[in-house]
Amino acid sequence: MIRVLVVDDHPLVRQGLRSLVDQAEGIVVVEEAADGERGVAAAALHRPDVVLMDLSMPGIGGVEATRRVVAADPSVHVVVLTSVPDASSVREALAAGAVGYLLKDAEPTSVVAGVRAAAAGGAPLDPRAARALLPDRSTPDGPTRTPATSAPAPDPDPAPLVSGREAEVLRLVARGLANKQIGTELGISERTVKAHVGSVFRRIGVADRTSAALWARDHGY
């Protein structure tokens, strides 16, 4: 049974999420909290598997509440559920320790799937939140003039090379699999998977599984 804590300052949202989650097989809401401070306390008391965390709340917001929940118990999987898809909010939430970022206007089935994915060690990320993390490739209108005396601009550095077993691990991380699941898939120990994941993160310059999944998608993995 996946145990869920809902943290949101809107009673109707909490009620709707409880109804949605409780109807899903194998998932139950163990508690609700109306603000970040109460959410932190409820997480410590009930030790849920997954926390659905709003961002904008009175008192301490969702980012700080996420940071405190994860610091107190790293085994808790916090999934942000908000209406704000901007890049800064996504980055702050993930940096605070959230494993996923979903939007409130998503399909109900997507929210339930996100809870299941987070509980299994995955990183549920709404496509709009993922797009917000991508670099802005837009260019100013009009031609760009290059002085005749300037040297040609060098080609950008090639993407870091990830090959062999690390590439296999990266592909499975991008699919949302947890280390234990990756080990089962590849026939290696969870400890070995963890070492490969750390090496991949260093090679491609990311700090979390969500960023690694985005990098993998953008580089054909």
N, C-alpha and C. Protein backbone atom coordinates (compact mmCIF):
# COMPACT_ATOMS: atom_id res chain seq x y z
N MET A 1 0.84 -1.20 0.00
CA MET A 1 0.00 0.00 0.00
C MET A 1 0.87 1.25 0.00
N ILE A 2 0.64 2.14 -0.95
CA ILE A 2 1.38 3.41 -1.03
C ILE A 2 0.66 4.43 -0.15
N ARG A 3 1.39 5.00 0.81
CA ARG A 3 0.80 5.93 1.76
C ARG A 3 1.14 7.36 1.34
N VAL A 4 0.12 8.19 1.21
CA VAL A 4 0.29 9.53 0.63
C VAL A 4 -0.13 10.61 1.63
N LEU A 5 0.65 11.67 1.68
CA LEU A 5 0.31 12.87 2.43
C LEU A 5 0.03 13.99 1.43
N VAL A 6 -1.10 14.68 1.60
CA VAL A 6 -1.47 15.78 0.71
C VAL A 6 -1.27 17.10 1.46
N VAL A 7 -0.46 17.99 0.89
CA VAL A 7 -0.18 19.30 1.51
C VAL A 7 -0.62 20.40 0.55
N ASP A 8 -1.70 21.09 0.89
CA ASP A 8 -2.25 22.15 0.04
C ASP A 8 -3.14 23.04 0.90
N ASP A 9 -3.10 24.34 0.66
CA ASP A 9 -3.87 25.25 1.51
C ASP A 9 -5.32 25.40 1.07
N HIS A 10 -5.71 24.79 -0.05
CA HIS A 10 -7.09 24.89 -0.51
C HIS A 10 -7.88 23.63 -0.13
N PRO A 11 -8.90 23.77 0.71
CA PRO A 11 -9.66 22.60 1.16
C PRO A 11 -10.25 21.78 0.02
N LEU A 12 -10.76 22.47 -1.01
CA LEU A 12 -11.36 21.74 -2.13
C LEU A 12 -10.32 20.91 -2.88
N VAL A 13 -9.11 21.45 -3.00
CA VAL A 13 -8.04 20.70 -3.67
C VAL A 13 -7.68 19.47 -2.85
N ARG A 14 -7.54 19.66 -1.55
CA ARG A 14 -7.21 18.52 -0.69
C ARG A 14 -8.29 17.45 -0.76
N GLN A 15 -9.55 17.89 -0.72
CA GLN A 15 -10.65 16.94 -0.77
C GLN A 15 -10.66 16.19 -2.11
N GLY A 16 -10.42 16.91 -3.19
CA GLY A 16 -10.40 16.28 -4.50
C GLY A 16 -9.26 15.29 -4.64
N LEU A 17 -8.09 15.65 -4.12
CA LEU A 17 -6.95 14.75 -4.20
C LEU A 17 -7.17 13.51 -3.35
N ARG A 18 -7.75 13.69 -2.16
CA ARG A 18 -8.03 12.53 -1.31
C ARG A 18 -8.98 11.57 -2.01
N SER A 19 -10.04 12.13 -2.61
CA SER A 19 -11.00 11.29 -3.31
C SER A 19 -10.34 10.56 -4.47
N LEU A 20 -9.52 11.29 -5.23
CA LEU A 20 -8.85 10.70 -6.39
C LEU A 20 -7.90 9.58 -5.97
N VAL A 21 -7.06 9.87 -4.97
CA VAL A 21 -6.05 8.91 -4.55
C VAL A 21 -6.67 7.70 -3.88
N ASP A 22 -7.66 7.94 -3.02
CA ASP A 22 -8.26 6.82 -2.29
C ASP A 22 -9.00 5.86 -3.21
N GLN A 23 -9.43 6.34 -4.38
CA GLN A 23 -10.12 5.47 -5.32
C GLN A 23 -9.15 4.59 -6.11
N ALA A 24 -7.88 4.96 -6.08
CA ALA A 24 -6.88 4.19 -6.83
C ALA A 24 -6.48 2.94 -6.03
N GLU A 25 -6.34 1.86 -6.72
CA GLU A 25 -5.99 0.60 -6.05
C GLU A 25 -4.57 0.67 -5.48
N GLY A 26 -4.44 0.28 -4.22
CA GLY A 26 -3.13 0.19 -3.60
C GLY A 26 -2.56 1.51 -3.13
N ILE A 27 -3.37 2.57 -3.07
CA ILE A 27 -2.91 3.89 -2.62
C ILE A 27 -3.91 4.43 -1.61
N VAL A 28 -3.43 5.08 -0.56
CA VAL A 28 -4.31 5.66 0.44
C VAL A 28 -3.72 6.97 0.96
N VAL A 29 -4.57 7.97 1.20
CA VAL A 29 -4.15 9.21 1.82
C VAL A 29 -4.17 9.01 3.34
N VAL A 30 -3.01 9.19 3.97
CA VAL A 30 -2.92 8.98 5.42
C VAL A 30 -3.17 10.26 6.20
N GLU A 31 -2.99 11.43 5.53
CA GLU A 31 -3.19 12.70 6.22
C GLU A 31 -3.22 13.84 5.21
N GLU A 32 -3.83 14.95 5.63
CA GLU A 32 -3.82 16.19 4.85
C GLU A 32 -3.22 17.28 5.71
N ALA A 33 -2.63 18.29 5.07
CA ALA A 33 -2.06 19.43 5.78
C ALA A 33 -2.36 20.69 4.99
N ALA A 34 -2.72 21.77 5.70
CA ALA A 34 -3.17 23.01 5.06
C ALA A 34 -2.05 24.00 4.82
N ASP A 35 -0.84 23.72 5.26
CA ASP A 35 0.29 24.61 4.99
C ASP A 35 1.59 23.83 5.13
N GLY A 36 2.69 24.49 4.76
CA GLY A 36 3.97 23.80 4.76
C GLY A 36 4.42 23.34 6.12
N GLU A 37 4.23 24.16 7.13
CA GLU A 37 4.68 23.79 8.48
C GLU A 37 3.95 22.55 8.98
N ARG A 38 2.63 22.52 8.77
CA ARG A 38 1.86 21.34 9.17
C ARG A 38 2.24 20.13 8.32
N GLY A 39 2.57 20.38 7.07
CA GLY A 39 2.99 19.29 6.21
C GLY A 39 4.27 18.63 6.70
N VAL A 40 5.21 19.44 7.13
CA VAL A 40 6.47 18.91 7.67
C VAL A 40 6.19 18.06 8.91
N ALA A 41 5.35 18.58 9.80
CA ALA A 41 5.00 17.84 11.02
C ALA A 41 4.27 16.54 10.70
N ALA A 42 3.34 16.60 9.73
CA ALA A 42 2.58 15.40 9.36
C ALA A 42 3.48 14.35 8.73
N ALA A 43 4.46 14.79 7.94
CA ALA A 43 5.39 13.84 7.32
C ALA A 43 6.21 13.12 8.39
N ALA A 44 6.63 13.86 9.41
CA ALA A 44 7.41 13.25 10.49
C ALA A 44 6.57 12.28 11.30
N LEU A 45 5.29 12.59 11.46
CA LEU A 45 4.41 11.75 12.27
C LEU A 45 3.95 10.49 11.52
N HIS A 46 3.56 10.66 10.27
CA HIS A 46 2.95 9.55 9.53
C HIS A 46 3.92 8.81 8.61
N ARG A 47 5.07 9.38 8.33
CA ARG A 47 6.08 8.76 7.48
C ARG A 47 5.48 8.20 6.19
N PRO A 48 4.91 9.07 5.36
CA PRO A 48 4.28 8.62 4.11
C PRO A 48 5.34 8.18 3.10
N ASP A 49 4.90 7.44 2.11
CA ASP A 49 5.79 7.08 1.01
C ASP A 49 5.94 8.23 0.03
N VAL A 50 4.82 8.94 -0.20
CA VAL A 50 4.80 10.04 -1.17
C VAL A 50 4.09 11.23 -0.56
N VAL A 51 4.62 12.43 -0.80
CA VAL A 51 3.98 13.67 -0.39
C VAL A 51 3.62 14.44 -1.65
N LEU A 52 2.33 14.79 -1.80
CA LEU A 52 1.91 15.69 -2.87
C LEU A 52 1.95 17.10 -2.30
N MET A 53 2.87 17.91 -2.78
CA MET A 53 3.19 19.19 -2.16
C MET A 53 2.85 20.38 -3.06
N ASP A 54 1.99 21.26 -2.57
CA ASP A 54 1.74 22.52 -3.27
C ASP A 54 2.94 23.44 -3.04
N LEU A 55 3.09 24.47 -3.87
CA LEU A 55 4.20 25.41 -3.71
C LEU A 55 3.79 26.67 -2.96
N SER A 56 2.69 27.29 -3.36
CA SER A 56 2.28 28.58 -2.78
C SER A 56 1.32 28.34 -1.62
N MET A 57 1.85 28.51 -0.41
CA MET A 57 1.05 28.30 0.79
C MET A 57 1.44 29.31 1.85
N PRO A 58 0.55 29.59 2.79
CA PRO A 58 0.91 30.52 3.88
C PRO A 58 2.00 29.93 4.75
N GLY A 59 2.74 30.81 5.41
CA GLY A 59 3.85 30.33 6.24
C GLY A 59 5.00 29.90 5.36
N ILE A 60 5.63 28.78 5.68
CA ILE A 60 6.71 28.30 4.83
C ILE A 60 6.09 27.70 3.56
N GLY A 61 6.68 28.01 2.43
CA GLY A 61 6.14 27.54 1.17
C GLY A 61 6.52 26.10 0.89
N GLY A 62 6.09 25.62 -0.27
CA GLY A 62 6.32 24.24 -0.61
C GLY A 62 7.77 23.88 -0.82
N VAL A 63 8.57 24.80 -1.32
CA VAL A 63 9.99 24.52 -1.52
C VAL A 63 10.69 24.28 -0.19
N GLU A 64 10.49 25.17 0.76
CA GLU A 64 11.13 25.01 2.07
C GLU A 64 10.58 23.80 2.80
N ALA A 65 9.26 23.57 2.68
CA ALA A 65 8.67 22.40 3.31
C ALA A 65 9.26 21.12 2.72
N THR A 66 9.45 21.10 1.40
CA THR A 66 10.08 19.95 0.76
C THR A 66 11.48 19.72 1.30
N ARG A 67 12.24 20.79 1.41
CA ARG A 67 13.61 20.69 1.92
C ARG A 67 13.63 20.08 3.32
N ARG A 68 12.71 20.51 4.17
CA ARG A 68 12.67 20.01 5.55
C ARG A 68 12.20 18.57 5.62
N VAL A 69 11.22 18.22 4.81
CA VAL A 69 10.72 16.84 4.81
C VAL A 69 11.82 15.88 4.38
N VAL A 70 12.51 16.21 3.29
CA VAL A 70 13.55 15.33 2.76
C VAL A 70 14.75 15.27 3.70
N ALA A 71 15.08 16.40 4.32
CA ALA A 71 16.20 16.40 5.26
C ALA A 71 15.91 15.51 6.46
N ALA A 72 14.66 15.51 6.90
CA ALA A 72 14.28 14.69 8.06
C ALA A 72 14.19 13.22 7.71
N ASP A 73 13.77 12.90 6.48
CA ASP A 73 13.62 11.51 6.07
C ASP A 73 13.82 11.41 4.56
N PRO A 74 15.05 11.10 4.12
CA PRO A 74 15.34 11.04 2.68
C PRO A 74 14.55 9.97 1.94
N SER A 75 13.93 9.04 2.66
CA SER A 75 13.17 7.99 1.98
C SER A 75 11.80 8.47 1.50
N VAL A 76 11.37 9.65 1.96
CA VAL A 76 10.08 10.20 1.54
C VAL A 76 10.23 10.80 0.14
N HIS A 77 9.30 10.48 -0.75
CA HIS A 77 9.33 10.99 -2.12
C HIS A 77 8.34 12.14 -2.26
N VAL A 78 8.86 13.34 -2.43
CA VAL A 78 8.01 14.52 -2.56
C VAL A 78 7.75 14.81 -4.03
N VAL A 79 6.48 14.90 -4.38
CA VAL A 79 6.08 15.28 -5.74
C VAL A 79 5.34 16.60 -5.65
N VAL A 80 5.88 17.63 -6.27
CA VAL A 80 5.22 18.93 -6.29
C VAL A 80 3.99 18.85 -7.19
N LEU A 81 2.88 19.37 -6.70
CA LEU A 81 1.65 19.44 -7.49
C LEU A 81 1.16 20.87 -7.42
N THR A 82 1.35 21.62 -8.49
CA THR A 82 1.11 23.05 -8.47
C THR A 82 0.55 23.51 -9.80
N SER A 83 0.22 24.78 -9.88
CA SER A 83 -0.25 25.36 -11.14
C SER A 83 0.83 26.21 -11.80
N VAL A 84 2.05 26.21 -11.23
CA VAL A 84 3.13 27.08 -11.70
C VAL A 84 4.19 26.25 -12.41
N PRO A 85 4.32 26.39 -13.77
CA PRO A 85 5.30 25.58 -14.50
C PRO A 85 6.58 26.33 -14.87
N ASP A 86 6.84 27.52 -14.27
CA ASP A 86 7.99 28.29 -14.71
C ASP A 86 9.30 27.62 -14.28
N ALA A 87 10.37 27.92 -15.01
CA ALA A 87 11.64 27.23 -14.84
C ALA A 87 12.21 27.40 -13.43
N SER A 88 12.14 28.61 -12.88
CA SER A 88 12.73 28.84 -11.56
C SER A 88 12.03 28.01 -10.49
N SER A 89 10.71 27.90 -10.58
CA SER A 89 9.98 27.10 -9.59
C SER A 89 10.33 25.62 -9.72
N VAL A 90 10.45 25.14 -10.95
CA VAL A 90 10.81 23.74 -11.16
C VAL A 90 12.19 23.46 -10.59
N ARG A 91 13.15 24.32 -10.91
CA ARG A 91 14.52 24.11 -10.45
C ARG A 91 14.61 24.19 -8.93
N GLU A 92 13.94 25.16 -8.34
CA GLU A 92 13.99 25.29 -6.88
C GLU A 92 13.39 24.06 -6.19
N ALA A 93 12.29 23.56 -6.72
CA ALA A 93 11.65 22.40 -6.12
C ALA A 93 12.54 21.17 -6.22
N LEU A 94 13.12 20.94 -7.38
CA LEU A 94 13.99 19.78 -7.56
C LEU A 94 15.26 19.92 -6.72
N ALA A 95 15.79 21.13 -6.64
CA ALA A 95 16.98 21.34 -5.82
C ALA A 95 16.69 21.11 -4.34
N ALA A 96 15.46 21.36 -3.93
CA ALA A 96 15.08 21.17 -2.53
C ALA A 96 14.90 19.69 -2.20
N GLY A 97 14.82 18.85 -3.22
CA GLY A 97 14.70 17.42 -2.96
C GLY A 97 13.48 16.76 -3.54
N ALA A 98 12.61 17.51 -4.23
CA ALA A 98 11.44 16.90 -4.86
C ALA A 98 11.89 15.94 -5.96
N VAL A 99 11.19 14.83 -6.09
CA VAL A 99 11.54 13.85 -7.13
C VAL A 99 10.67 14.02 -8.37
N GLY A 100 9.62 14.82 -8.25
CA GLY A 100 8.72 15.01 -9.38
C GLY A 100 8.04 16.35 -9.35
N TYR A 101 7.45 16.73 -10.49
CA TYR A 101 6.81 18.03 -10.61
C TYR A 101 5.62 17.88 -11.55
N LEU A 102 4.41 17.94 -10.99
CA LEU A 102 3.19 17.79 -11.76
C LEU A 102 2.35 19.06 -11.68
N LEU A 103 1.48 19.24 -12.65
CA LEU A 103 0.64 20.43 -12.69
C LEU A 103 -0.81 20.07 -12.37
N LYS A 104 -1.50 20.99 -11.73
CA LYS A 104 -2.84 20.71 -11.23
C LYS A 104 -3.88 20.52 -12.32
N ASP A 105 -3.59 20.99 -13.52
CA ASP A 105 -4.56 20.80 -14.60
C ASP A 105 -4.29 19.53 -15.40
N ALA A 106 -3.40 18.68 -14.87
CA ALA A 106 -3.11 17.41 -15.53
C ALA A 106 -4.30 16.47 -15.40
N GLU A 107 -4.34 15.45 -16.23
CA GLU A 107 -5.39 14.45 -16.14
C GLU A 107 -5.27 13.72 -14.79
N PRO A 108 -6.39 13.40 -14.16
CA PRO A 108 -6.34 12.67 -12.89
C PRO A 108 -5.49 11.40 -12.95
N THR A 109 -5.57 10.70 -14.08
CA THR A 109 -4.78 9.48 -14.21
C THR A 109 -3.28 9.77 -14.17
N SER A 110 -2.87 10.97 -14.63
CA SER A 110 -1.47 11.34 -14.61
C SER A 110 -0.98 11.56 -13.18
N VAL A 111 -1.84 12.12 -12.35
CA VAL A 111 -1.48 12.33 -10.95
C VAL A 111 -1.30 10.99 -10.24
N VAL A 112 -2.24 10.08 -10.45
CA VAL A 112 -2.14 8.76 -9.84
C VAL A 112 -0.89 8.04 -10.34
N ALA A 113 -0.64 8.13 -11.64
CA ALA A 113 0.56 7.50 -12.20
C ALA A 113 1.82 8.12 -11.62
N GLY A 114 1.78 9.44 -11.38
CA GLY A 114 2.93 10.11 -10.79
C GLY A 114 3.20 9.62 -9.38
N VAL A 115 2.15 9.39 -8.60
CA VAL A 115 2.31 8.86 -7.25
C VAL A 115 2.94 7.47 -7.30
N ARG A 116 2.45 6.64 -8.19
CA ARG A 116 3.01 5.28 -8.31
C ARG A 116 4.47 5.32 -8.74
N ALA A 117 4.77 6.19 -9.70
CA ALA A 117 6.14 6.29 -10.20
C ALA A 117 7.09 6.76 -9.11
N ALA A 118 6.67 7.77 -8.35
CA ALA A 118 7.51 8.30 -7.28
C ALA A 118 7.75 7.24 -6.21
N ALA A 119 6.71 6.50 -5.85
CA ALA A 119 6.85 5.46 -4.83
C ALA A 119 7.81 4.37 -5.27
N ALA A 120 7.89 4.15 -6.60
CA ALA A 120 8.78 3.12 -7.15
C ALA A 120 10.20 3.63 -7.38
N GLY A 121 10.43 4.90 -7.04
CA GLY A 121 11.76 5.47 -7.22
C GLY A 121 11.94 6.23 -8.51
N GLY A 122 10.85 6.47 -9.23
CA GLY A 122 10.92 7.21 -10.48
C GLY A 122 10.87 8.72 -10.26
N ALA A 123 10.83 9.46 -11.38
CA ALA A 123 10.82 10.92 -11.32
C ALA A 123 9.73 11.46 -12.23
N PRO A 124 8.47 11.47 -11.77
CA PRO A 124 7.38 11.97 -12.62
C PRO A 124 7.50 13.46 -12.89
N LEU A 125 7.52 13.83 -14.14
CA LEU A 125 7.72 15.23 -14.51
C LEU A 125 6.75 15.59 -15.63
N ASP A 126 5.89 16.57 -15.38
CA ASP A 126 4.97 17.02 -16.41
C ASP A 126 5.77 17.53 -17.61
N PRO A 127 5.36 17.20 -18.85
CA PRO A 127 6.11 17.66 -20.02
C PRO A 127 6.30 19.17 -20.06
N ARG A 128 5.33 19.93 -19.56
CA ARG A 128 5.48 21.39 -19.56
C ARG A 128 6.55 21.84 -18.60
N ALA A 129 6.68 21.15 -17.47
CA ALA A 129 7.75 21.46 -16.53
C ALA A 129 9.10 21.07 -17.13
N ALA A 130 9.13 19.95 -17.84
CA ALA A 130 10.37 19.52 -18.49
C ALA A 130 10.82 20.54 -19.53
N ARG A 131 9.87 21.04 -20.31
CA ARG A 131 10.22 22.04 -21.33
C ARG A 131 10.75 23.31 -20.68
N ALA A 132 10.24 23.65 -19.50
CA ALA A 132 10.71 24.86 -18.82
C ALA A 132 12.17 24.75 -18.42
N LEU A 133 12.67 23.51 -18.28
CA LEU A 133 14.06 23.32 -17.89
C LEU A 133 15.02 23.36 -19.06
N LEU A 134 14.48 23.24 -20.28
CA LEU A 134 15.35 23.24 -21.45
C LEU A 134 15.93 24.62 -21.68
N PRO A 135 17.17 24.70 -22.19
CA PRO A 135 17.77 26.01 -22.46
C PRO A 135 17.00 26.76 -23.53
N ASP A 136 16.98 28.10 -23.42
CA ASP A 136 16.31 28.95 -24.40
C ASP A 136 17.18 29.05 -25.64
N ARG A 137 16.69 28.49 -26.74
CA ARG A 137 17.48 28.49 -27.98
C ARG A 137 17.03 29.57 -28.95
N SER A 138 16.17 30.45 -28.49
CA SER A 138 15.70 31.51 -29.38
C SER A 138 16.81 32.51 -29.64
N THR A 139 16.78 33.15 -30.78
CA THR A 139 17.78 34.15 -31.14
C THR A 139 17.08 35.45 -31.46
N PRO A 140 17.74 36.59 -31.29
CA PRO A 140 17.12 37.88 -31.60
C PRO A 140 16.78 37.96 -33.08
N ASP A 141 15.72 38.71 -33.38
CA ASP A 141 15.33 38.91 -34.77
C ASP A 141 16.40 39.69 -35.50
N GLY A 142 16.50 39.40 -36.79
CA GLY A 142 17.44 40.15 -37.60
C GLY A 142 18.78 39.46 -37.68
N PRO A 143 19.60 39.81 -38.68
CA PRO A 143 20.90 39.17 -38.87
C PRO A 143 21.88 39.56 -37.80
N THR A 144 22.83 38.68 -37.54
CA THR A 144 23.90 38.96 -36.59
C THR A 144 25.14 39.30 -37.39
N ARG A 145 25.69 40.47 -37.14
CA ARG A 145 26.86 40.91 -37.89
C ARG A 145 28.12 40.44 -37.18
N THR A 146 29.06 39.93 -37.97
CA THR A 146 30.34 39.49 -37.44
C THR A 146 31.43 40.33 -38.05
N PRO A 147 32.26 41.01 -37.26
CA PRO A 147 33.33 41.83 -37.82
C PRO A 147 34.22 41.00 -38.73
N ALA A 148 34.67 41.62 -39.81
CA ALA A 148 35.48 40.90 -40.79
C ALA A 148 36.76 40.37 -40.18
N THR A 149 37.29 41.03 -39.16
CA THR A 149 38.57 40.64 -38.59
C THR A 149 38.44 39.57 -37.53
N SER A 150 37.22 39.26 -37.14
CA SER A 150 37.06 38.29 -36.07
C SER A 150 37.22 36.88 -36.59
N ALA A 151 37.72 35.99 -35.73
CA ALA A 151 37.89 34.59 -36.11
C ALA A 151 36.55 33.89 -36.05
N PRO A 152 36.37 32.85 -36.84
CA PRO A 152 35.12 32.11 -36.79
C PRO A 152 34.88 31.55 -35.40
N ALA A 153 33.62 31.55 -35.01
CA ALA A 153 33.29 31.02 -33.68
C ALA A 153 33.55 29.53 -33.66
N PRO A 154 34.17 29.03 -32.57
CA PRO A 154 34.43 27.59 -32.51
C PRO A 154 33.14 26.82 -32.38
N ASP A 155 33.18 25.57 -32.84
CA ASP A 155 32.02 24.71 -32.65
C ASP A 155 31.84 24.43 -31.18
N PRO A 156 30.59 24.27 -30.74
CA PRO A 156 30.38 23.95 -29.35
C PRO A 156 31.02 22.63 -28.99
N ASP A 157 31.39 22.49 -27.72
CA ASP A 157 31.99 21.24 -27.26
C ASP A 157 31.02 20.10 -27.49
N PRO A 158 31.52 18.96 -27.89
CA PRO A 158 30.62 17.82 -28.06
C PRO A 158 30.05 17.37 -26.74
N ALA A 159 28.91 16.66 -26.79
CA ALA A 159 28.30 16.17 -25.57
C ALA A 159 29.23 15.18 -24.90
N PRO A 160 29.24 15.13 -23.57
CA PRO A 160 30.07 14.16 -22.87
C PRO A 160 29.73 12.75 -23.34
N LEU A 161 30.77 11.93 -23.46
CA LEU A 161 30.57 10.58 -23.97
C LEU A 161 30.07 9.67 -22.85
N VAL A 162 28.95 9.03 -23.10
CA VAL A 162 28.42 8.02 -22.20
C VAL A 162 28.18 6.78 -23.04
N SER A 163 28.89 5.72 -22.75
CA SER A 163 28.77 4.53 -23.58
C SER A 163 28.80 3.29 -22.71
N GLY A 164 28.60 2.15 -23.35
CA GLY A 164 28.68 0.89 -22.64
C GLY A 164 27.62 0.75 -21.56
N ARG A 165 28.03 0.21 -20.43
CA ARG A 165 27.10 -0.05 -19.34
C ARG A 165 26.47 1.23 -18.81
N GLU A 166 27.25 2.32 -18.76
CA GLU A 166 26.70 3.58 -18.26
C GLU A 166 25.58 4.09 -19.16
N ALA A 167 25.70 3.88 -20.46
CA ALA A 167 24.63 4.28 -21.37
C ALA A 167 23.37 3.47 -21.12
N GLU A 168 23.54 2.18 -20.84
CA GLU A 168 22.38 1.34 -20.53
C GLU A 168 21.69 1.83 -19.26
N VAL A 169 22.51 2.15 -18.26
CA VAL A 169 21.95 2.66 -16.99
C VAL A 169 21.23 3.98 -17.23
N LEU A 170 21.84 4.86 -18.01
CA LEU A 170 21.23 6.16 -18.28
C LEU A 170 19.88 6.00 -18.98
N ARG A 171 19.79 5.09 -19.93
CA ARG A 171 18.53 4.87 -20.63
C ARG A 171 17.43 4.43 -19.66
N LEU A 172 17.79 3.58 -18.71
CA LEU A 172 16.80 3.09 -17.75
C LEU A 172 16.44 4.16 -16.73
N VAL A 173 17.40 5.00 -16.37
CA VAL A 173 17.10 6.16 -15.51
C VAL A 173 16.10 7.06 -16.22
N ALA A 174 16.32 7.27 -17.52
CA ALA A 174 15.43 8.13 -18.30
C ALA A 174 14.02 7.55 -18.39
N ARG A 175 13.89 6.23 -18.26
CA ARG A 175 12.58 5.59 -18.27
C ARG A 175 11.90 5.68 -16.90
N GLY A 176 12.61 6.21 -15.90
CA GLY A 176 12.02 6.38 -14.59
C GLY A 176 12.23 5.21 -13.65
N LEU A 177 13.13 4.27 -13.99
CA LEU A 177 13.34 3.12 -13.13
C LEU A 177 14.22 3.47 -11.94
N ALA A 178 13.94 2.86 -10.80
CA ALA A 178 14.76 3.03 -9.60
C ALA A 178 15.99 2.14 -9.72
N ASN A 179 16.99 2.37 -8.85
CA ASN A 179 18.24 1.62 -8.92
C ASN A 179 18.00 0.11 -8.81
N LYS A 180 17.11 -0.30 -7.91
CA LYS A 180 16.86 -1.72 -7.74
C LYS A 180 16.27 -2.32 -9.01
N GLN A 181 15.36 -1.59 -9.65
CA GLN A 181 14.76 -2.07 -10.89
C GLN A 181 15.78 -2.14 -12.01
N ILE A 182 16.69 -1.16 -12.06
CA ILE A 182 17.74 -1.16 -13.07
C ILE A 182 18.65 -2.36 -12.87
N GLY A 183 18.99 -2.65 -11.62
CA GLY A 183 19.83 -3.80 -11.33
C GLY A 183 19.20 -5.10 -11.80
N THR A 184 17.90 -5.24 -11.55
CA THR A 184 17.18 -6.43 -12.00
C THR A 184 17.17 -6.51 -13.52
N GLU A 185 16.96 -5.39 -14.17
CA GLU A 185 16.91 -5.35 -15.64
C GLU A 185 18.25 -5.74 -16.26
N LEU A 186 19.35 -5.27 -15.64
CA LEU A 186 20.68 -5.49 -16.22
C LEU A 186 21.42 -6.67 -15.60
N GLY A 187 20.85 -7.25 -14.54
CA GLY A 187 21.51 -8.39 -13.90
C GLY A 187 22.73 -8.00 -13.09
N ILE A 188 22.71 -6.80 -12.50
CA ILE A 188 23.82 -6.35 -11.67
C ILE A 188 23.28 -5.90 -10.32
N SER A 189 24.15 -5.70 -9.34
CA SER A 189 23.72 -5.35 -8.00
C SER A 189 23.25 -3.91 -7.93
N GLU A 190 22.41 -3.62 -6.96
CA GLU A 190 21.93 -2.24 -6.77
C GLU A 190 23.10 -1.32 -6.45
N ARG A 191 24.09 -1.84 -5.71
CA ARG A 191 25.27 -1.03 -5.37
C ARG A 191 26.05 -0.66 -6.63
N THR A 192 26.17 -1.60 -7.56
CA THR A 192 26.86 -1.31 -8.81
C THR A 192 26.09 -0.27 -9.63
N VAL A 193 24.77 -0.41 -9.63
CA VAL A 193 23.93 0.57 -10.34
C VAL A 193 24.17 1.96 -9.77
N LYS A 194 24.18 2.05 -8.43
CA LYS A 194 24.39 3.35 -7.78
C LYS A 194 25.71 3.97 -8.20
N ALA A 195 26.75 3.15 -8.30
CA ALA A 195 28.06 3.66 -8.73
C ALA A 195 28.01 4.15 -10.17
N HIS A 196 27.34 3.41 -11.05
CA HIS A 196 27.21 3.83 -12.44
C HIS A 196 26.42 5.14 -12.55
N VAL A 197 25.33 5.24 -11.77
CA VAL A 197 24.51 6.46 -11.80
C VAL A 197 25.35 7.66 -11.39
N GLY A 198 26.13 7.52 -10.32
CA GLY A 198 26.98 8.63 -9.87
C GLY A 198 28.00 9.02 -10.93
N SER A 199 28.57 8.03 -11.60
CA SER A 199 29.55 8.31 -12.65
C SER A 199 28.89 9.03 -13.82
N VAL A 200 27.69 8.58 -14.20
CA VAL A 200 26.96 9.23 -15.29
C VAL A 200 26.66 10.69 -14.94
N PHE A 201 26.19 10.92 -13.72
CA PHE A 201 25.88 12.29 -13.30
C PHE A 201 27.11 13.19 -13.46
N ARG A 202 28.27 12.68 -13.05
CA ARG A 202 29.49 13.49 -13.15
C ARG A 202 29.88 13.75 -14.60
N ARG A 203 29.71 12.73 -15.44
CA ARG A 203 30.09 12.88 -16.84
C ARG A 203 29.23 13.91 -17.57
N ILE A 204 27.93 13.90 -17.31
CA ILE A 204 27.04 14.78 -18.07
C ILE A 204 26.73 16.08 -17.32
N GLY A 205 27.24 16.20 -16.09
CA GLY A 205 27.12 17.46 -15.37
C GLY A 205 25.75 17.75 -14.80
N VAL A 206 25.09 16.72 -14.23
CA VAL A 206 23.79 16.92 -13.60
C VAL A 206 23.87 16.44 -12.15
N ALA A 207 22.84 16.81 -11.37
CA ALA A 207 22.85 16.46 -9.95
C ALA A 207 21.68 15.61 -9.52
N ASP A 208 20.74 15.32 -10.43
CA ASP A 208 19.58 14.53 -10.03
C ASP A 208 19.06 13.74 -11.22
N ARG A 209 18.17 12.79 -10.93
CA ARG A 209 17.68 11.86 -11.94
C ARG A 209 16.81 12.56 -12.99
N THR A 210 16.05 13.57 -12.56
CA THR A 210 15.20 14.28 -13.52
C THR A 210 16.05 14.99 -14.56
N SER A 211 17.10 15.67 -14.12
CA SER A 211 17.99 16.36 -15.06
C SER A 211 18.69 15.36 -15.97
N ALA A 212 19.05 14.20 -15.41
CA ALA A 212 19.69 13.17 -16.23
C ALA A 212 18.73 12.65 -17.30
N ALA A 213 17.46 12.49 -16.93
CA ALA A 213 16.47 12.02 -17.89
C ALA A 213 16.28 13.03 -19.02
N LEU A 214 16.26 14.31 -18.68
CA LEU A 214 16.13 15.35 -19.70
C LEU A 214 17.35 15.36 -20.62
N TRP A 215 18.54 15.22 -20.02
CA TRP A 215 19.76 15.19 -20.82
C TRP A 215 19.74 14.00 -21.77
N ALA A 216 19.32 12.85 -21.24
CA ALA A 216 19.26 11.64 -22.07
C ALA A 216 18.32 11.83 -23.24
N ARG A 217 17.18 12.44 -22.99
CA ARG A 217 16.22 12.66 -24.07
C ARG A 217 16.79 13.59 -25.13
N ASP A 218 17.46 14.65 -24.70
CA ASP A 218 17.97 15.63 -25.65
C ASP A 218 19.17 15.13 -26.43
N HIS A 219 19.85 14.07 -25.92
CA HIS A 219 21.06 13.58 -26.59
C HIS A 219 20.86 12.18 -27.18
N GLY A 220 19.61 11.79 -27.40
CA GLY A 220 19.34 10.57 -28.13
C GLY A 220 19.49 9.27 -27.36
N TYR A 221 19.42 9.36 -26.02
CA TYR A 221 19.51 8.14 -25.21
C TYR A 221 18.14 7.62 -24.81
